[in-house]
Amino acid sequence: MELILTGKNFSGKEAGEWGVAARTFKDWDALIEGSLKTAETIAGYSKVSVMAAKEVVNKSQDLPLRDGVEYERRVFHSLFGSEDQKIGMKAFAEKKKAEWTHKH
């Protein structure tokens, strides 16, 4: 609230300390390397599940807590019918890397 009402500028380090940023980096090169690693991790997941997760997070901003939790539950349950869910469960059970189809 203070940041919004005062318009105060703050550093990346402060953003990290205050919990406004997920994490901070020591310099530009570390930022680029960390960003690419994060993107690589996300790209390694099923596109279906990543899109569902993004949808739930974005939608939850517009809903009261109870409605947001119920919405998340509905989306989560809808993923259980997806081809990628079956692939993911099988890969987990067999301790193998999943080969996603990116199909719901």
Protein backbone atom coordinates (compact mmCIF):
# COMPACT_ATOMS: atom_id res chain seq x y z
CA MET A 1 0.00 0.00 0.00
CA GLU A 2 2.83 2.37 0.91
CA LEU A 3 4.50 1.87 -2.48
CA ILE A 4 1.29 2.48 -4.38
CA LEU A 5 0.19 5.52 -2.40
CA THR A 6 3.61 7.21 -2.24
CA GLY A 7 4.85 6.26 -5.71
CA LYS A 8 8.25 5.58 -4.09
CA ASN A 9 10.93 4.17 -6.36
CA PHE A 10 12.74 1.09 -5.10
CA SER A 11 15.60 -1.09 -6.19
CA GLY A 12 15.48 -4.69 -7.32
CA LYS A 13 17.24 -5.65 -4.10
CA GLU A 14 14.51 -3.94 -2.06
CA ALA A 15 11.82 -5.63 -4.16
CA GLY A 16 13.34 -9.00 -3.30
CA GLU A 17 13.65 -8.19 0.39
CA TRP A 18 10.03 -7.01 0.54
CA GLY A 19 8.68 -9.99 -1.35
CA VAL A 20 7.53 -7.88 -4.30
CA ALA A 21 9.87 -9.77 -6.67
CA ALA A 22 10.15 -13.55 -6.83
CA ARG A 23 13.95 -13.26 -6.84
CA THR A 24 16.76 -10.92 -7.68
CA PHE A 25 20.07 -11.24 -9.53
CA LYS A 26 23.48 -9.73 -8.92
CA ASP A 27 23.93 -8.44 -12.47
CA TRP A 28 22.57 -8.44 -16.02
CA ASP A 29 24.29 -11.69 -17.03
CA ALA A 30 22.91 -13.51 -13.99
CA LEU A 31 19.44 -12.12 -14.79
CA ILE A 32 19.57 -13.42 -18.37
CA GLU A 33 20.93 -16.82 -17.27
CA GLY A 34 18.31 -17.16 -14.52
CA SER A 35 15.51 -16.10 -16.85
CA LEU A 36 16.52 -18.60 -19.51
CA LYS A 37 16.75 -21.40 -16.92
CA THR A 38 13.27 -20.54 -15.66
CA ALA A 39 11.90 -20.45 -19.22
CA GLU A 40 13.55 -23.81 -19.95
CA THR A 41 11.98 -25.34 -16.84
CA ILE A 42 8.51 -24.07 -17.76
CA ALA A 43 8.93 -25.19 -21.40
CA GLY A 44 9.70 -28.70 -20.11
CA TYR A 45 6.20 -29.04 -18.68
CA SER A 46 3.01 -29.91 -20.50
CA LYS A 47 1.66 -26.89 -22.35
CA VAL A 48 -1.84 -27.92 -21.22
CA SER A 49 -0.90 -27.76 -17.53
CA VAL A 50 1.10 -24.52 -17.88
CA MET A 51 -1.79 -22.80 -19.63
CA ALA A 52 -4.22 -24.05 -16.96
CA ALA A 53 -1.94 -22.82 -14.16
CA LYS A 54 -1.63 -19.38 -15.77
CA GLU A 55 -5.40 -19.21 -16.23
CA VAL A 56 -6.05 -20.06 -12.59
CA VAL A 57 -3.51 -17.55 -11.26
CA ASN A 58 -4.83 -14.76 -13.49
CA LYS A 59 -8.50 -15.53 -12.78
CA SER A 60 -7.90 -15.76 -9.02
CA GLN A 61 -7.09 -12.04 -8.99
CA ASP A 62 -10.71 -11.31 -9.92
CA LEU A 63 -12.44 -13.69 -7.50
CA PRO A 64 -13.08 -13.89 -3.77
CA LEU A 65 -10.96 -16.56 -2.06
CA ARG A 66 -13.67 -19.25 -1.87
CA ASP A 67 -14.64 -18.78 -5.54
CA GLY A 68 -10.97 -18.79 -6.57
CA VAL A 69 -10.34 -22.08 -4.77
CA GLU A 70 -13.41 -23.63 -6.36
CA TYR A 71 -12.35 -22.38 -9.79
CA GLU A 72 -8.87 -23.81 -9.28
CA ARG A 73 -10.38 -27.16 -8.27
CA ARG A 74 -12.55 -27.29 -11.42
CA VAL A 75 -9.61 -26.53 -13.69
CA PHE A 76 -7.38 -29.02 -11.87
CA HIS A 77 -10.02 -31.77 -12.17
CA SER A 78 -10.46 -31.02 -15.87
CA LEU A 79 -6.78 -31.85 -16.40
CA PHE A 80 -7.34 -35.42 -15.22
CA GLY A 81 -9.00 -36.22 -18.54
CA SER A 82 -6.07 -34.92 -20.55
CA GLU A 83 -3.68 -37.06 -22.54
CA ASP A 84 -0.74 -35.27 -20.91
CA GLN A 85 -2.00 -36.16 -17.43
CA LYS A 86 -1.88 -39.84 -18.30
CA ILE A 87 1.59 -39.44 -19.81
CA GLY A 88 2.78 -37.56 -16.74
CA MET A 89 1.46 -40.13 -14.27
CA LYS A 90 2.99 -43.01 -16.26
CA ALA A 91 6.35 -41.25 -16.52
CA PHE A 92 6.31 -40.51 -12.79
CA ALA A 93 5.49 -44.12 -11.91
CA GLU A 94 8.22 -45.39 -14.23
CA LYS A 95 10.68 -42.71 -13.07
CA LYS A 96 11.11 -41.52 -16.67
CA LYS A 97 10.99 -38.14 -18.37
CA ALA A 98 7.54 -37.37 -19.77
CA GLU A 99 7.16 -36.92 -23.52
CA TRP A 100 4.29 -34.43 -23.66
CA THR A 101 1.77 -34.31 -26.51
CA HIS A 102 0.43 -30.93 -25.31
CA LYS A 103 -3.12 -32.19 -25.88
CA HIS A 104 -6.00 -31.86 -23.45
